[in-house]
């Protein structure tokens, strides 16, 4: 059988114009679904410059058709390159972000 995909919410663009070219370099999606009564949580990482990354958190509520950006996490001193890798807990309640390499920064959990 053929699977038919339907877009959920609007197209997403990085809020930070510096990141637009690298928006979506890393993506994590919670496994919660609106039909379960839970928000879908999406973490999107992107590069700002060769050593700086950021992660944007977006949520889609069960009763809405629009993604809402809820938070932006930027690498700070000691956390450069954080956001190169992102992963979310199944329920979207815990976010892990990691650096490009083990020597480039420390990982963080939110």
N, C-alpha and C. Protein backbone atom coordinates (compact mmCIF):
# COMPACT_ATOMS: atom_id res chain seq x y z
N UNK A 1 0.83 -1.19 0.00
CA UNK A 1 0.00 0.00 0.00
C UNK A 1 0.88 1.25 0.00
N UNK A 2 0.30 2.33 -0.45
CA UNK A 2 1.02 3.60 -0.53
C UNK A 2 0.70 4.43 0.69
N UNK A 3 1.73 4.98 1.30
CA UNK A 3 1.53 5.85 2.46
C UNK A 3 1.35 7.28 1.97
N UNK A 4 0.38 7.96 2.54
CA UNK A 4 0.14 9.37 2.22
C UNK A 4 0.53 10.20 3.43
N UNK A 5 1.40 11.14 3.22
CA UNK A 5 1.89 12.00 4.30
C UNK A 5 1.15 13.33 4.26
N UNK A 6 0.79 13.83 5.42
CA UNK A 6 0.15 15.14 5.54
C UNK A 6 1.03 16.03 6.41
N UNK A 7 1.25 17.25 5.97
CA UNK A 7 2.07 18.18 6.74
C UNK A 7 1.36 18.54 8.04
N UNK A 8 2.13 18.58 9.13
CA UNK A 8 1.61 18.98 10.43
C UNK A 8 2.12 20.38 10.73
N UNK A 9 1.23 21.35 10.75
CA UNK A 9 1.64 22.72 11.01
C UNK A 9 2.27 23.36 9.78
N UNK A 10 2.81 24.56 10.02
CA UNK A 10 3.39 25.35 8.94
C UNK A 10 4.85 24.96 8.69
N UNK A 11 5.41 25.47 7.58
CA UNK A 11 6.84 25.33 7.35
C UNK A 11 7.57 26.05 8.47
N UNK A 12 8.70 25.50 8.91
CA UNK A 12 9.47 26.13 9.99
C UNK A 12 10.73 26.75 9.42
N UNK A 13 11.06 27.93 9.92
CA UNK A 13 12.29 28.64 9.55
C UNK A 13 12.97 29.07 10.83
N UNK A 14 14.29 29.07 10.81
CA UNK A 14 15.03 29.53 11.98
C UNK A 14 14.70 30.98 12.29
N UNK A 15 14.44 31.24 13.56
CA UNK A 15 14.14 32.62 13.97
C UNK A 15 15.37 33.51 13.83
N UNK A 16 16.54 32.95 14.04
CA UNK A 16 17.77 33.72 13.99
C UNK A 16 18.27 33.72 12.55
N UNK A 17 18.29 34.87 11.92
CA UNK A 17 18.66 34.96 10.50
C UNK A 17 20.06 34.44 10.25
N UNK A 18 20.92 34.45 11.27
CA UNK A 18 22.28 33.93 11.10
C UNK A 18 22.25 32.43 10.87
N UNK A 19 21.22 31.74 11.38
CA UNK A 19 21.20 30.28 11.34
C UNK A 19 20.46 29.73 10.14
N UNK A 20 19.76 30.56 9.39
CA UNK A 20 18.89 30.05 8.34
C UNK A 20 19.57 29.06 7.40
N UNK A 21 20.80 29.29 7.06
CA UNK A 21 21.49 28.39 6.15
C UNK A 21 21.79 27.03 6.75
N UNK A 22 21.78 26.92 8.06
CA UNK A 22 22.10 25.66 8.73
C UNK A 22 20.96 25.16 9.60
N UNK A 23 19.81 25.81 9.55
CA UNK A 23 18.65 25.41 10.34
C UNK A 23 18.27 23.98 9.98
N UNK A 24 18.17 23.13 10.98
CA UNK A 24 17.80 21.73 10.72
C UNK A 24 18.98 20.80 10.59
N UNK A 25 20.18 21.29 10.91
CA UNK A 25 21.36 20.43 10.84
C UNK A 25 21.23 19.23 11.78
N UNK A 26 20.52 19.40 12.88
CA UNK A 26 20.20 18.29 13.79
C UNK A 26 18.75 18.45 14.23
N UNK A 27 18.04 17.34 14.30
CA UNK A 27 16.61 17.36 14.62
C UNK A 27 16.27 16.20 15.54
N UNK A 28 15.42 16.46 16.54
CA UNK A 28 14.88 15.40 17.39
C UNK A 28 13.39 15.66 17.55
N UNK A 29 12.60 14.59 17.53
CA UNK A 29 11.15 14.69 17.62
C UNK A 29 10.66 13.77 18.73
N UNK A 30 9.80 14.29 19.60
CA UNK A 30 9.22 13.43 20.63
C UNK A 30 8.28 12.43 19.97
N UNK A 31 8.02 11.32 20.64
CA UNK A 31 7.12 10.33 20.05
C UNK A 31 5.67 10.54 20.50
N UNK A 32 5.44 11.54 21.35
CA UNK A 32 4.07 11.88 21.74
C UNK A 32 3.33 12.41 20.53
N UNK A 33 2.09 12.08 20.44
CA UNK A 33 1.30 12.51 19.29
C UNK A 33 0.05 13.23 19.77
N UNK A 34 -0.46 14.19 18.99
CA UNK A 34 -1.66 14.93 19.39
C UNK A 34 -2.85 14.03 19.71
N UNK A 35 -2.97 12.90 19.01
CA UNK A 35 -4.11 12.02 19.28
C UNK A 35 -4.04 11.45 20.70
N UNK A 36 -2.85 11.45 21.32
CA UNK A 36 -2.68 11.00 22.70
C UNK A 36 -2.96 12.12 23.70
N UNK A 37 -3.27 13.32 23.19
CA UNK A 37 -3.52 14.46 24.07
C UNK A 37 -2.26 15.18 24.50
N UNK A 38 -1.13 14.85 23.89
CA UNK A 38 0.15 15.46 24.25
C UNK A 38 0.65 16.37 23.13
N UNK A 39 1.47 17.35 23.52
CA UNK A 39 2.13 18.19 22.53
C UNK A 39 3.21 17.38 21.83
N UNK A 40 3.43 17.66 20.56
CA UNK A 40 4.61 17.14 19.88
C UNK A 40 5.71 18.16 20.14
N UNK A 41 6.87 17.68 20.55
CA UNK A 41 8.01 18.56 20.81
C UNK A 41 9.07 18.27 19.76
N UNK A 42 9.62 19.34 19.20
CA UNK A 42 10.63 19.25 18.15
C UNK A 42 11.82 20.11 18.55
N UNK A 43 13.01 19.52 18.57
CA UNK A 43 14.24 20.28 18.84
C UNK A 43 15.02 20.34 17.53
N UNK A 44 15.40 21.56 17.13
CA UNK A 44 16.11 21.76 15.87
C UNK A 44 17.40 22.51 16.15
N UNK A 45 18.53 21.90 15.82
CA UNK A 45 19.82 22.53 16.01
C UNK A 45 20.32 23.12 14.71
N UNK A 46 21.18 24.11 14.82
CA UNK A 46 21.76 24.73 13.64
C UNK A 46 23.01 25.51 13.98
N UNK A 47 23.87 25.67 13.01
CA UNK A 47 25.15 26.33 13.22
C UNK A 47 25.02 27.83 12.99
N UNK A 48 25.58 28.61 13.90
CA UNK A 48 25.63 30.07 13.74
C UNK A 48 26.90 30.49 13.02
N UNK A 49 28.01 29.87 13.37
CA UNK A 49 29.31 30.11 12.76
C UNK A 49 30.12 28.83 12.97
N UNK A 50 31.38 28.78 12.54
CA UNK A 50 32.12 27.51 12.62
C UNK A 50 32.21 26.87 14.00
N UNK A 51 32.05 27.61 15.09
CA UNK A 51 32.13 26.98 16.42
C UNK A 51 30.89 27.18 17.28
N UNK A 52 29.92 27.94 16.82
CA UNK A 52 28.74 28.23 17.64
C UNK A 52 27.48 27.63 17.03
N UNK A 53 26.73 26.93 17.87
CA UNK A 53 25.47 26.32 17.47
C UNK A 53 24.37 26.80 18.39
N UNK A 54 23.13 26.59 17.98
CA UNK A 54 22.00 26.86 18.85
C UNK A 54 20.92 25.83 18.59
N UNK A 55 20.00 25.69 19.54
CA UNK A 55 18.88 24.75 19.42
C UNK A 55 17.59 25.53 19.64
N UNK A 56 16.63 25.34 18.76
CA UNK A 56 15.30 25.94 18.94
C UNK A 56 14.33 24.82 19.31
N UNK A 57 13.46 25.08 20.27
CA UNK A 57 12.44 24.13 20.69
C UNK A 57 11.09 24.60 20.16
N UNK A 58 10.38 23.74 19.48
CA UNK A 58 9.07 24.03 18.91
C UNK A 58 8.06 23.03 19.46
N UNK A 59 6.81 23.46 19.63
CA UNK A 59 5.76 22.56 20.10
C UNK A 59 4.51 22.71 19.24
N UNK A 60 3.85 21.59 19.03
CA UNK A 60 2.58 21.56 18.31
C UNK A 60 1.55 20.96 19.26
N UNK A 61 0.55 21.75 19.64
CA UNK A 61 -0.48 21.29 20.58
C UNK A 61 -1.51 20.44 19.85
N UNK A 62 -2.17 19.52 20.57
CA UNK A 62 -3.15 18.64 19.94
C UNK A 62 -4.29 19.39 19.25
N UNK A 63 -4.65 20.55 19.76
CA UNK A 63 -5.79 21.28 19.21
C UNK A 63 -5.38 22.38 18.24
N UNK A 64 -4.09 22.47 17.92
CA UNK A 64 -3.60 23.56 17.07
C UNK A 64 -3.05 23.01 15.76
N UNK A 65 -2.90 23.89 14.81
CA UNK A 65 -2.30 23.50 13.53
C UNK A 65 -1.06 24.34 13.25
N UNK A 66 -0.55 25.02 14.30
CA UNK A 66 0.61 25.90 14.15
C UNK A 66 1.68 25.53 15.16
N UNK A 67 2.91 25.37 14.68
CA UNK A 67 4.05 25.16 15.57
C UNK A 67 4.35 26.46 16.30
N UNK A 68 4.67 26.39 17.59
CA UNK A 68 5.03 27.55 18.40
C UNK A 68 6.46 27.35 18.90
N UNK A 69 7.33 28.34 18.65
CA UNK A 69 8.69 28.25 19.19
C UNK A 69 8.63 28.62 20.67
N UNK A 70 9.08 27.70 21.53
CA UNK A 70 8.96 27.91 22.97
C UNK A 70 10.28 28.28 23.64
N UNK A 71 11.42 27.98 23.01
CA UNK A 71 12.70 28.29 23.64
C UNK A 71 13.82 28.26 22.61
N UNK A 72 14.85 29.04 22.88
CA UNK A 72 16.09 29.00 22.11
C UNK A 72 17.23 28.80 23.08
N UNK A 73 18.09 27.83 22.81
CA UNK A 73 19.26 27.57 23.65
C UNK A 73 20.49 27.83 22.80
N UNK A 74 21.30 28.76 23.25
CA UNK A 74 22.54 29.11 22.54
C UNK A 74 23.74 28.58 23.32
N UNK A 75 24.75 28.17 22.60
CA UNK A 75 26.00 27.79 23.24
C UNK A 75 26.60 29.01 23.93
N UNK A 76 27.08 28.82 25.14
CA UNK A 76 27.72 29.90 25.89
C UNK A 76 29.16 29.49 26.16
N UNK A 77 29.87 30.30 26.87
CA UNK A 77 31.27 30.01 27.18
C UNK A 77 31.37 28.60 27.77
N UNK A 78 32.20 27.77 27.18
CA UNK A 78 32.35 26.39 27.62
C UNK A 78 31.37 25.45 26.95
N UNK A 79 30.39 25.98 26.23
CA UNK A 79 29.40 25.15 25.56
C UNK A 79 29.35 25.44 24.07
N UNK A 80 30.48 25.79 23.47
CA UNK A 80 30.49 26.01 22.03
C UNK A 80 30.22 24.68 21.33
N UNK A 81 29.66 24.74 20.18
CA UNK A 81 29.29 23.58 19.37
C UNK A 81 28.16 22.76 19.97
N UNK A 82 27.60 23.16 21.12
CA UNK A 82 26.47 22.44 21.68
C UNK A 82 25.26 22.66 20.78
N UNK A 83 24.59 21.60 20.42
CA UNK A 83 23.46 21.68 19.51
C UNK A 83 23.73 20.98 18.20
N UNK A 84 24.97 20.55 18.02
CA UNK A 84 25.32 19.79 16.82
C UNK A 84 24.53 18.48 16.81
N UNK A 85 24.28 17.93 18.00
CA UNK A 85 23.47 16.72 18.15
C UNK A 85 22.40 16.98 19.20
N UNK A 86 21.17 16.58 18.92
CA UNK A 86 20.07 16.74 19.87
C UNK A 86 19.27 15.45 19.93
N UNK A 87 18.72 15.16 21.11
CA UNK A 87 17.81 14.03 21.28
C UNK A 87 16.80 14.39 22.35
N UNK A 88 15.59 13.89 22.20
CA UNK A 88 14.50 14.15 23.14
C UNK A 88 14.02 12.85 23.74
N UNK A 89 13.59 12.91 25.01
CA UNK A 89 12.88 11.78 25.61
C UNK A 89 11.59 11.57 24.83
N UNK A 90 11.05 10.37 24.89
CA UNK A 90 9.84 10.05 24.13
C UNK A 90 8.70 11.01 24.41
N UNK A 91 8.57 11.46 25.67
CA UNK A 91 7.47 12.37 26.02
C UNK A 91 7.82 13.84 25.79
N UNK A 92 9.02 14.12 25.32
CA UNK A 92 9.44 15.49 25.04
C UNK A 92 9.84 16.27 26.28
N UNK A 93 9.91 15.60 27.43
CA UNK A 93 10.17 16.29 28.68
C UNK A 93 11.65 16.49 29.02
N UNK A 94 12.54 15.78 28.34
CA UNK A 94 13.98 15.92 28.59
C UNK A 94 14.68 16.08 27.25
N UNK A 95 15.57 17.06 27.18
CA UNK A 95 16.35 17.33 25.98
C UNK A 95 17.82 17.17 26.30
N UNK A 96 18.52 16.41 25.48
CA UNK A 96 19.97 16.29 25.58
C UNK A 96 20.57 16.95 24.35
N UNK A 97 21.56 17.79 24.57
CA UNK A 97 22.25 18.41 23.43
C UNK A 97 23.73 18.13 23.57
N UNK A 98 24.36 17.86 22.46
CA UNK A 98 25.76 17.50 22.48
C UNK A 98 26.58 18.29 21.49
N UNK A 99 27.90 18.24 21.67
CA UNK A 99 28.83 18.98 20.82
C UNK A 99 29.20 18.20 19.57
N UNK A 100 29.95 18.86 18.70
CA UNK A 100 30.41 18.25 17.46
C UNK A 100 31.39 17.11 17.74
N UNK A 101 32.22 17.26 18.76
CA UNK A 101 33.17 16.21 19.12
C UNK A 101 33.39 16.22 20.62
N UNK A 102 33.94 15.16 21.14
CA UNK A 102 34.15 15.03 22.59
C UNK A 102 35.08 16.09 23.13
N UNK A 103 35.95 16.64 22.31
CA UNK A 103 36.91 17.63 22.79
C UNK A 103 36.47 19.05 22.58
N UNK A 104 35.31 19.27 21.89
CA UNK A 104 34.94 20.64 21.55
C UNK A 104 34.02 21.31 22.57
N UNK A 105 33.36 20.54 23.43
CA UNK A 105 32.46 21.15 24.39
C UNK A 105 31.90 20.11 25.34
N UNK A 106 31.12 20.55 26.27
CA UNK A 106 30.44 19.68 27.22
C UNK A 106 29.01 19.50 26.76
N UNK A 107 28.45 18.32 26.98
CA UNK A 107 27.03 18.09 26.69
C UNK A 107 26.20 18.71 27.78
N UNK A 108 24.90 18.88 27.51
CA UNK A 108 24.00 19.48 28.49
C UNK A 108 22.64 18.78 28.42
N UNK A 109 21.95 18.75 29.57
CA UNK A 109 20.62 18.18 29.64
C UNK A 109 19.66 19.23 30.16
N UNK A 110 18.49 19.33 29.57
CA UNK A 110 17.47 20.30 29.97
C UNK A 110 16.19 19.55 30.26
